[in-house]
């Protein structure tokens, strides 16, 4: 299928990109791994497409003791190879297929806000944030925390005329362990359910995918009873039935994965501490 007609824009700097979005609206093209299929299937029909791939300063990854900043044009594969954050790297290995990861962008995946996608869960469980820019006669930027960024299924806090320019993934605490467990019908498919976990000597936190309208984040008791923690995860989720799985199966599955992820993360953290 062919996309509906649109006007194509290829700005060279951020102010030009934001002015175009403010004046013309439309969709942003970065990796295009979500947008292009939607255009071809005519699930989206914007009058304007703003290609940001030539915009200077939007590429790259920066790691500091505080965490990792991933800019808007950083591809999944490049961030995975950089290996700058253990949980982010682990999650990226689960995203789609290599050909998709070579073009798709981390920030684009966050903005797409698919509740079955891995990266929104990583941002949510870490308590990260996304920087969103717009044009108000000048470039203005706001920082949106993860718990406010994912508004609903396929809906983020990026509004009309705005552009997500980077995402920040906080560093893990000392002695922390992480894990990401998911089940998909085939490797590279969206998961039927998935759980990422961060366990420190004093806390345990999970984010679940595929079982709600956005990532389901829970803070759990750090007492080592991961079976009881998994039961709490099941109770907190509200999955829906579809052609792939029933709601009951997804709820059962997310509990199994939560117990596994928490146990593995705790074991990794203990090994790192030499405990």
C-alpha atoms as a PDB file:
ATOM      1  CA  UNK A   1       0.000   0.000   0.000  1.00  0.00           C
ATOM      2  CA  UNK A   2       1.017   3.606  -0.486  1.00  0.00           C
ATOM      3  CA  UNK A   3       0.741   6.405   2.048  1.00  0.00           C
ATOM      4  CA  UNK A   4      -1.672   9.298   1.506  1.00  0.00           C
ATOM      5  CA  UNK A   5      -0.087  12.469   0.093  1.00  0.00           C
ATOM      6  CA  UNK A   6       1.731  14.770   2.505  1.00  0.00           C
ATOM      7  CA  UNK A   7       4.151  17.682   2.457  1.00  0.00           C
ATOM      8  CA  UNK A   8       7.691  16.651   3.368  1.00  0.00           C
ATOM      9  CA  UNK A   9       9.958  18.901   5.482  1.00  0.00           C
ATOM     10  CA  UNK A  10      13.655  18.322   6.195  1.00  0.00           C
ATOM     11  CA  UNK A  11      14.845  21.040   8.622  1.00  0.00           C
ATOM     12  CA  UNK A  12      18.548  21.361   9.417  1.00  0.00           C
ATOM     13  CA  UNK A  13      18.385  22.720  12.968  1.00  0.00           C
ATOM     14  CA  UNK A  14      16.147  22.417  16.007  1.00  0.00           C
ATOM     15  CA  UNK A  15      14.539  25.888  15.828  1.00  0.00           C
ATOM     16  CA  UNK A  16      13.552  25.266  12.199  1.00  0.00           C
ATOM     17  CA  UNK A  17      12.083  21.868  13.083  1.00  0.00           C
ATOM     18  CA  UNK A  18      10.094  23.303  15.975  1.00  0.00           C
ATOM     19  CA  UNK A  19       8.845  26.257  13.930  1.00  0.00           C
ATOM     20  CA  UNK A  20       7.625  23.863  11.259  1.00  0.00           C
ATOM     21  CA  UNK A  21       5.819  21.740  13.837  1.00  0.00           C
ATOM     22  CA  UNK A  22       4.305  24.834  15.455  1.00  0.00           C
ATOM     23  CA  UNK A  23       3.087  26.301  12.157  1.00  0.00           C
ATOM     24  CA  UNK A  24       2.215  23.225  10.098  1.00  0.00           C
ATOM     25  CA  UNK A  25       1.756  20.454  12.657  1.00  0.00           C
ATOM     26  CA  UNK A  26       2.096  16.931  11.300  1.00  0.00           C
ATOM     27  CA  UNK A  27       4.121  13.882  12.288  1.00  0.00           C
ATOM     28  CA  UNK A  28       7.813  13.606  13.191  1.00  0.00           C
ATOM     29  CA  UNK A  29       9.963  11.157  11.227  1.00  0.00           C
ATOM     30  CA  UNK A  30      13.049   9.842  13.063  1.00  0.00           C
ATOM     31  CA  UNK A  31      13.581   6.091  12.668  1.00  0.00           C
ATOM     32  CA  UNK A  32      10.239   5.638  10.943  1.00  0.00           C
ATOM     33  CA  UNK A  33       9.769   2.047  12.126  1.00  0.00           C
ATOM     34  CA  UNK A  34       6.341   2.896  13.555  1.00  0.00           C
ATOM     35  CA  UNK A  35       5.333   5.857  11.412  1.00  0.00           C
ATOM     36  CA  UNK A  36       6.037   4.405   7.959  1.00  0.00           C
ATOM     37  CA  UNK A  37       3.885   1.278   8.446  1.00  0.00           C
ATOM     38  CA  UNK A  38       1.096   3.447   9.850  1.00  0.00           C
ATOM     39  CA  UNK A  39       1.285   5.705   6.789  1.00  0.00           C
ATOM     40  CA  UNK A  40       1.359   2.777   4.378  1.00  0.00           C
ATOM     41  CA  UNK A  41      -1.658   1.163   6.032  1.00  0.00           C
ATOM     42  CA  UNK A  42      -3.354   4.580   6.185  1.00  0.00           C
ATOM     43  CA  UNK A  43      -3.758   4.382   9.918  1.00  0.00           C
ATOM     44  CA  UNK A  44      -2.240   7.885   9.942  1.00  0.00           C
ATOM     45  CA  UNK A  45      -2.794  10.582   7.338  1.00  0.00           C
ATOM     46  CA  UNK A  46      -0.854  13.714   8.351  1.00  0.00           C
ATOM     47  CA  UNK A  47      -0.743  16.665   5.989  1.00  0.00           C
ATOM     48  CA  UNK A  48       2.905  17.253   6.912  1.00  0.00           C
ATOM     49  CA  UNK A  49       5.849  14.973   7.811  1.00  0.00           C
ATOM     50  CA  UNK A  50       8.842  16.594   9.510  1.00  0.00           C
ATOM     51  CA  UNK A  51      12.031  14.551   9.002  1.00  0.00           C
ATOM     52  CA  UNK A  52      14.457  15.370  11.843  1.00  0.00           C
ATOM     53  CA  UNK A  53      17.319  13.165  10.652  1.00  0.00           C
ATOM     54  CA  UNK A  54      19.335  16.162   9.407  1.00  0.00           C
ATOM     55  CA  UNK A  55      18.854  18.209  12.569  1.00  0.00           C
ATOM     56  CA  UNK A  56      22.216  18.851  14.226  1.00  0.00           C
ATOM     57  CA  UNK A  57      22.666  17.964  17.894  1.00  0.00           C
ATOM     58  CA  UNK A  58      19.949  15.314  18.163  1.00  0.00           C
ATOM     59  CA  UNK A  59      22.179  12.260  17.841  1.00  0.00           C
ATOM     60  CA  UNK A  60      24.294  10.430  20.380  1.00  0.00           C
ATOM     61  CA  UNK A  61      24.359   8.979  23.884  1.00  0.00           C
ATOM     62  CA  UNK A  62      25.926  10.549  26.960  1.00  0.00           C
ATOM     63  CA  UNK A  63      26.727   8.577  30.109  1.00  0.00           C
ATOM     64  CA  UNK A  64      27.456  10.278  33.448  1.00  0.00           C
ATOM     65  CA  UNK A  65      27.506   8.993  37.044  1.00  0.00           C
ATOM     66  CA  UNK A  66      23.900  10.196  37.343  1.00  0.00           C
ATOM     67  CA  UNK A  67      22.622   8.229  34.371  1.00  0.00           C
ATOM     68  CA  UNK A  68      22.362   8.015  30.608  1.00  0.00           C
ATOM     69  CA  UNK A  69      20.950  10.604  28.220  1.00  0.00           C
ATOM     70  CA  UNK A  70      19.773   9.204  24.889  1.00  0.00           C
ATOM     71  CA  UNK A  71      19.069  11.818  22.221  1.00  0.00           C
ATOM     72  CA  UNK A  72      16.254  11.698  19.693  1.00  0.00           C
ATOM     73  CA  UNK A  73      18.187  10.191  16.760  1.00  0.00           C
ATOM     74  CA  UNK A  74      20.118   7.521  18.676  1.00  0.00           C
ATOM     75  CA  UNK A  75      19.251   4.150  17.123  1.00  0.00           C
ATOM     76  CA  UNK A  76      18.370   1.082  19.166  1.00  0.00           C
ATOM     77  CA  UNK A  77      21.395  -0.808  17.826  1.00  0.00           C
ATOM     78  CA  UNK A  78      23.836   2.006  18.605  1.00  0.00           C
ATOM     79  CA  UNK A  79      22.597   2.364  22.183  1.00  0.00           C
ATOM     80  CA  UNK A  80      22.694  -1.406  22.650  1.00  0.00           C
ATOM     81  CA  UNK A  81      26.298  -1.571  21.407  1.00  0.00           C
ATOM     82  CA  UNK A  82      27.291   1.334  23.653  1.00  0.00           C
ATOM     83  CA  UNK A  83      26.374  -0.786  26.687  1.00  0.00           C
ATOM     84  CA  UNK A  84      26.029   2.278  28.893  1.00  0.00           C
ATOM     85  CA  UNK A  85      23.179   1.030  31.112  1.00  0.00           C
ATOM     86  CA  UNK A  86      22.677  -2.624  32.137  1.00  0.00           C
ATOM     87  CA  UNK A  87      18.865  -2.656  32.098  1.00  0.00           C
ATOM     88  CA  UNK A  88      18.542  -0.556  28.955  1.00  0.00           C
ATOM     89  CA  UNK A  89      21.035  -2.774  27.123  1.00  0.00           C
ATOM     90  CA  UNK A  90      19.198  -5.907  28.218  1.00  0.00           C
ATOM     91  CA  UNK A  91      15.839  -4.540  27.087  1.00  0.00           C
ATOM     92  CA  UNK A  92      17.134  -3.436  23.692  1.00  0.00           C
ATOM     93  CA  UNK A  93      18.154  -7.001  22.867  1.00  0.00           C
ATOM     94  CA  UNK A  94      14.456  -7.895  23.098  1.00  0.00           C
ATOM     95  CA  UNK A  95      13.214  -5.139  20.778  1.00  0.00           C
ATOM     96  CA  UNK A  96      11.935  -6.478  17.450  1.00  0.00           C
ATOM     97  CA  UNK A  97      14.629  -7.697  15.006  1.00  0.00           C
ATOM     98  CA  UNK A  98      18.119  -6.399  14.083  1.00  0.00           C
ATOM     99  CA  UNK A  99      16.916  -4.664  10.919  1.00  0.00           C
ATOM    100  CA  UNK A 100      14.353  -2.738  12.995  1.00  0.00           C
ATOM    101  CA  UNK A 101      16.905  -1.897  15.692  1.00  0.00           C
ATOM    102  CA  UNK A 102      19.281  -0.522  13.065  1.00  0.00           C
ATOM    103  CA  UNK A 103      16.777   2.212  12.148  1.00  0.00           C
ATOM    104  CA  UNK A 104      14.397   2.585  15.078  1.00  0.00           C
ATOM    105  CA  UNK A 105      15.155   5.139  17.790  1.00  0.00           C
ATOM    106  CA  UNK A 106      14.923   4.810  21.561  1.00  0.00           C
ATOM    107  CA  UNK A 107      13.133   8.134  21.988  1.00  0.00           C
ATOM    108  CA  UNK A 108      10.769   7.332  19.130  1.00  0.00           C
ATOM    109  CA  UNK A 109       9.768   4.109  20.872  1.00  0.00           C
ATOM    110  CA  UNK A 110       9.035   6.036  24.055  1.00  0.00           C
ATOM    111  CA  UNK A 111       6.884   8.577  22.223  1.00  0.00           C
ATOM    112  CA  UNK A 112       5.010   5.775  20.423  1.00  0.00           C
ATOM    113  CA  UNK A 113       4.019   4.573  23.925  1.00  0.00           C
ATOM    114  CA  UNK A 114       3.004   1.063  22.982  1.00  0.00           C
ATOM    115  CA  UNK A 115       1.978  -0.636  26.272  1.00  0.00           C
ATOM    116  CA  UNK A 116       3.560  -3.894  25.056  1.00  0.00           C
ATOM    117  CA  UNK A 117       6.934  -2.294  24.243  1.00  0.00           C
ATOM    118  CA  UNK A 118      10.019  -2.789  26.377  1.00  0.00           C
ATOM    119  CA  UNK A 119      11.548   0.689  26.536  1.00  0.00           C
ATOM    120  CA  UNK A 120       8.631   2.500  28.207  1.00  0.00           C
ATOM    121  CA  UNK A 121       8.872  -0.051  31.034  1.00  0.00           C
ATOM    122  CA  UNK A 122      12.592   0.584  31.451  1.00  0.00           C
ATOM    123  CA  UNK A 123      12.086   4.349  31.680  1.00  0.00           C
ATOM    124  CA  UNK A 124       9.206   3.857  34.108  1.00  0.00           C
ATOM    125  CA  UNK A 125      10.915   1.397  36.466  1.00  0.00           C
ATOM    126  CA  UNK A 126      14.005   3.626  36.663  1.00  0.00           C
ATOM    127  CA  UNK A 127      11.981   6.788  37.262  1.00  0.00           C
ATOM    128  CA  UNK A 128      13.476   8.459  34.195  1.00  0.00           C
ATOM    129  CA  UNK A 129      12.237  11.400  32.185  1.00  0.00           C
ATOM    130  CA  UNK A 130      11.871  12.801  28.671  1.00  0.00           C
ATOM    131  CA  UNK A 131      12.826  16.304  27.530  1.00  0.00           C
ATOM    132  CA  UNK A 132      10.218  17.845  25.247  1.00  0.00           C
ATOM    133  CA  UNK A 133      10.856  20.985  23.181  1.00  0.00           C
ATOM    134  CA  UNK A 134       8.527  23.416  21.442  1.00  0.00           C
ATOM    135  CA  UNK A 135       8.670  26.805  19.703  1.00  0.00           C
ATOM    136  CA  UNK A 136       7.310  29.827  21.594  1.00  0.00           C
ATOM    137  CA  UNK A 137       9.194  32.491  19.700  1.00  0.00           C
ATOM    138  CA  UNK A 138      12.257  30.643  20.942  1.00  0.00           C
ATOM    139  CA  UNK A 139      13.113  27.067  21.845  1.00  0.00           C
ATOM    140  CA  UNK A 140      11.600  26.105  25.207  1.00  0.00           C
ATOM    141  CA  UNK A 141      12.130  22.748  26.876  1.00  0.00           C
ATOM    142  CA  UNK A 142      10.215  20.947  29.613  1.00  0.00           C
ATOM    143  CA  UNK A 143      11.179  17.802  31.529  1.00  0.00           C
ATOM    144  CA  UNK A 144       8.413  15.212  31.798  1.00  0.00           C
ATOM    145  CA  UNK A 145       8.860  12.422  34.381  1.00  0.00           C
ATOM    146  CA  UNK A 146       8.053   8.896  33.253  1.00  0.00           C
ATOM    147  CA  UNK A 147       4.979   8.586  35.474  1.00  0.00           C
ATOM    148  CA  UNK A 148       3.461  11.561  33.609  1.00  0.00           C
ATOM    149  CA  UNK A 149       4.859  10.835  30.155  1.00  0.00           C
ATOM    150  CA  UNK A 150       2.847   7.701  29.323  1.00  0.00           C
ATOM    151  CA  UNK A 151      -0.732   8.921  29.187  1.00  0.00           C
ATOM    152  CA  UNK A 152      -2.425   5.852  27.694  1.00  0.00           C
ATOM    153  CA  UNK A 153      -2.088   3.220  24.974  1.00  0.00           C
ATOM    154  CA  UNK A 154      -0.173   4.762  22.059  1.00  0.00           C
ATOM    155  CA  UNK A 155      -0.413   8.153  23.752  1.00  0.00           C
ATOM    156  CA  UNK A 156       2.393  10.142  25.342  1.00  0.00           C
ATOM    157  CA  UNK A 157       2.624  13.609  26.847  1.00  0.00           C
ATOM    158  CA  UNK A 158       4.204  15.024  23.670  1.00  0.00           C
ATOM    159  CA  UNK A 159       1.607  17.490  22.423  1.00  0.00           C
ATOM    160  CA  UNK A 160       0.941  19.110  19.037  1.00  0.00           C
ATOM    161  CA  UNK A 161       3.901  21.169  17.873  1.00  0.00           C
ATOM    162  CA  UNK A 162       6.273  19.473  20.321  1.00  0.00           C
ATOM    163  CA  UNK A 163       9.324  17.275  19.810  1.00  0.00           C
ATOM    164  CA  UNK A 164      10.882  14.813  22.270  1.00  0.00           C
ATOM    165  CA  UNK A 165      14.591  15.652  22.070  1.00  0.00           C
ATOM    166  CA  UNK A 166      16.088  13.215  24.609  1.00  0.00           C
ATOM    167  CA  UNK A 167      15.367  10.682  27.336  1.00  0.00           C
ATOM    168  CA  UNK A 168      17.189  10.271  30.645  1.00  0.00           C
ATOM    169  CA  UNK A 169      17.657   6.849  32.245  1.00  0.00           C
ATOM    170  CA  UNK A 170      18.926   7.195  35.859  1.00  0.00           C
ATOM    171  CA  UNK A 171      21.892   5.108  36.926  1.00  0.00           C
ATOM    172  CA  UNK A 172      21.348   2.074  39.125  1.00  0.00           C
ATOM    173  CA  UNK A 173      22.051   2.327  42.826  1.00  0.00           C
ATOM    174  CA  UNK A 174      25.085   0.610  44.318  1.00  0.00           C
ATOM    175  CA  UNK A 175      24.584  -3.122  44.637  1.00  0.00           C
ATOM    176  CA  UNK A 176      21.526  -3.195  42.396  1.00  0.00           C
ATOM    177  CA  UNK A 177      20.593  -6.117  40.193  1.00  0.00           C
ATOM    178  CA  UNK A 178      18.324  -6.019  37.145  1.00  0.00           C
ATOM    179  CA  UNK A 179      16.392  -8.454  34.982  1.00  0.00           C
ATOM    180  CA  UNK A 180      13.975  -8.346  32.058  1.00  0.00           C
ATOM    181  CA  UNK A 181      11.726 -11.329  31.379  1.00  0.00           C
ATOM    182  CA  UNK A 182       9.079 -11.586  28.674  1.00  0.00           C
ATOM    183  CA  UNK A 183       7.151 -14.150  26.676  1.00  0.00           C
ATOM    184  CA  UNK A 184       6.362 -13.613  22.994  1.00  0.00           C
ATOM    185  CA  UNK A 185       4.870 -15.959  20.433  1.00  0.00           C
ATOM    186  CA  UNK A 186       8.037 -15.536  18.360  1.00  0.00           C
ATOM    187  CA  UNK A 187      11.293 -13.762  19.119  1.00  0.00           C
ATOM    188  CA  UNK A 188      10.944 -10.148  18.035  1.00  0.00           C
ATOM    189  CA  UNK A 189       7.161 -10.061  18.359  1.00  0.00           C
ATOM    190  CA  UNK A 190       5.538  -7.826  20.937  1.00  0.00           C
ATOM    191  CA  UNK A 191       5.396  -9.686  24.234  1.00  0.00           C
ATOM    192  CA  UNK A 192       2.218 -11.284  25.546  1.00  0.00           C
ATOM    193  CA  UNK A 193       3.508 -10.049  28.902  1.00  0.00           C
ATOM    194  CA  UNK A 194       6.816  -8.916  30.305  1.00  0.00           C
ATOM    195  CA  UNK A 195       8.433  -7.695  33.519  1.00  0.00           C
ATOM    196  CA  UNK A 196      11.587  -5.718  34.195  1.00  0.00           C
ATOM    197  CA  UNK A 197      12.882  -5.601  37.754  1.00  0.00           C
ATOM    198  CA  UNK A 198      15.374  -3.550  39.747  1.00  0.00           C
ATOM    199  CA  UNK A 199      16.361  -4.953  43.151  1.00  0.00           C
ATOM    200  CA  UNK A 200      18.691  -3.155  45.557  1.00  0.00           C
ATOM    201  CA  UNK A 201      19.679  -4.113  49.121  1.00  0.00           C
ATOM    202  CA  UNK A 202      16.759  -1.978  50.367  1.00  0.00           C
ATOM    203  CA  UNK A 203      14.114  -2.005  47.623  1.00  0.00           C
ATOM    204  CA  UNK A 204      12.473  -3.925  44.808  1.00  0.00           C
ATOM    205  CA  UNK A 205      10.625  -2.408  41.882  1.00  0.00           C
ATOM    206  CA  UNK A 206       9.032  -3.826  38.748  1.00  0.00           C
ATOM    207  CA  UNK A 207       7.412  -2.492  35.594  1.00  0.00           C
ATOM    208  CA  UNK A 208       5.097  -4.750  33.600  1.00  0.00           C
ATOM    209  CA  UNK A 209       4.228  -4.617  29.904  1.00  0.00           C
ATOM    210  CA  UNK A 210       1.308  -6.038  27.964  1.00  0.00           C
ATOM    211  CA  UNK A 211      -1.034  -6.020  30.963  1.00  0.00           C
ATOM    212  CA  UNK A 212      -2.337  -2.461  31.062  1.00  0.00           C
ATOM    213  CA  UNK A 213      -2.838   0.727  29.099  1.00  0.00           C
ATOM    214  CA  UNK A 214       0.695   1.829  30.030  1.00  0.00           C
ATOM    215  CA  UNK A 215       3.602   0.316  31.992  1.00  0.00           C
ATOM    216  CA  UNK A 216       2.382  -0.969  35.373  1.00  0.00           C
ATOM    217  CA  UNK A 217       4.942   0.028  38.020  1.00  0.00           C
ATOM    218  CA  UNK A 218       4.994  -1.395  41.547  1.00  0.00           C
ATOM    219  CA  UNK A 219       7.247  -0.907  44.543  1.00  0.00           C
ATOM    220  CA  UNK A 220       7.441  -4.158  46.507  1.00  0.00           C
ATOM    221  CA  UNK A 221       8.722  -5.306  49.889  1.00  0.00           C
ATOM    222  CA  UNK A 222      12.346  -6.359  49.780  1.00  0.00           C
ATOM    223  CA  UNK A 223      11.896  -9.446  51.941  1.00  0.00           C
ATOM    224  CA  UNK A 224      12.895 -12.196  49.532  1.00  0.00           C
ATOM    225  CA  UNK A 225       9.380 -13.675  49.300  1.00  0.00           C
ATOM    226  CA  UNK A 226       9.182 -13.256  45.564  1.00  0.00           C
ATOM    227  CA  UNK A 227       6.162 -15.555  45.309  1.00  0.00           C
ATOM    228  CA  UNK A 228       4.134 -13.174  47.471  1.00  0.00           C
ATOM    229  CA  UNK A 229       5.457 -10.233  45.452  1.00  0.00           C
ATOM    230  CA  UNK A 230       4.329 -11.929  42.243  1.00  0.00           C
ATOM    231  CA  UNK A 231       0.822 -12.306  43.683  1.00  0.00           C
ATOM    232  CA  UNK A 232       0.725  -8.543  44.292  1.00  0.00           C
ATOM    233  CA  UNK A 233       1.792  -7.952  40.698  1.00  0.00           C
ATOM    234  CA  UNK A 234      -1.062 -10.128  39.423  1.00  0.00           C
ATOM    235  CA  UNK A 235      -3.574  -8.201  41.514  1.00  0.00           C
ATOM    236  CA  UNK A 236      -2.314  -4.847  40.224  1.00  0.00           C
ATOM    237  CA  UNK A 237      -2.603  -5.635  36.523  1.00  0.00           C
ATOM    238  CA  UNK A 238      -5.636  -5.226  34.283  1.00  0.00           C
ATOM    239  CA  UNK A 239      -4.887  -7.117  31.075  1.00  0.00           C
ATOM    240  CA  UNK A 240      -7.384  -7.504  28.253  1.00  0.00           C
ATOM    241  CA  UNK A 241      -8.147 -10.526  26.110  1.00  0.00           C
ATOM    242  CA  UNK A 242      -7.273 -10.496  22.425  1.00  0.00           C
ATOM    243  CA  UNK A 243      -6.643 -12.973  19.620  1.00  0.00           C
ATOM    244  CA  UNK A 244      -3.267 -13.894  21.142  1.00  0.00           C
ATOM    245  CA  UNK A 245      -4.153 -14.571  24.786  1.00  0.00           C
ATOM    246  CA  UNK A 246      -6.925 -14.279  27.339  1.00  0.00           C
ATOM    247  CA  UNK A 247      -6.780 -11.762  30.156  1.00  0.00           C
ATOM    248  CA  UNK A 248      -6.542 -14.599  32.672  1.00  0.00           C
ATOM    249  CA  UNK A 249      -3.541 -16.104  30.898  1.00  0.00           C
ATOM    250  CA  UNK A 250      -1.755 -12.759  30.715  1.00  0.00           C
ATOM    251  CA  UNK A 251      -2.366 -12.185  34.431  1.00  0.00           C
ATOM    252  CA  UNK A 252      -0.989 -15.620  35.286  1.00  0.00           C
ATOM    253  CA  UNK A 253       1.968 -15.080  32.979  1.00  0.00           C
ATOM    254  CA  UNK A 254       2.934 -11.698  34.415  1.00  0.00           C
ATOM    255  CA  UNK A 255       3.049 -13.228  37.908  1.00  0.00           C
ATOM    256  CA  UNK A 256       5.343 -16.022  36.766  1.00  0.00           C
ATOM    257  CA  UNK A 257       7.614 -13.544  35.001  1.00  0.00           C
ATOM    258  CA  UNK A 258       7.628 -11.155  37.970  1.00  0.00           C
ATOM    259  CA  UNK A 259       8.778 -13.880  40.362  1.00  0.00           C
ATOM    260  CA  UNK A 260      11.478 -14.961  37.915  1.00  0.00           C
ATOM    261  CA  UNK A 261      12.687 -11.405  37.227  1.00  0.00           C
ATOM    262  CA  UNK A 262      12.778 -10.443  40.900  1.00  0.00           C
ATOM    263  CA  UNK A 263      14.689 -13.573  41.870  1.00  0.00           C
ATOM    264  CA  UNK A 264      17.212 -13.122  39.054  1.00  0.00           C
ATOM    265  CA  UNK A 265      17.704  -9.418  39.816  1.00  0.00           C
ATOM    266  CA  UNK A 266      18.210 -10.156  43.516  1.00  0.00           C
ATOM    267  CA  UNK A 267      20.747 -12.866  42.676  1.00  0.00           C
ATOM    268  CA  UNK A 268      22.629 -10.508  40.339  1.00  0.00           C
ATOM    269  CA  UNK A 269      22.728  -7.763  42.959  1.00  0.00           C
ATOM    270  CA  UNK A 270      24.000 -10.169  45.615  1.00  0.00           C
ATOM    271  CA  UNK A 271      26.745 -11.377  43.280  1.00  0.00           C
ATOM    272  CA  UNK A 272      27.791  -7.791  42.555  1.00  0.00           C
ATOM    273  CA  UNK A 273      28.074  -7.120  46.291  1.00  0.00           C
ATOM    274  CA  UNK A 274      29.937 -10.381  46.888  1.00  0.00           C
ATOM    275  CA  UNK A 275      27.164 -11.458  49.245  1.00  0.00           C
END
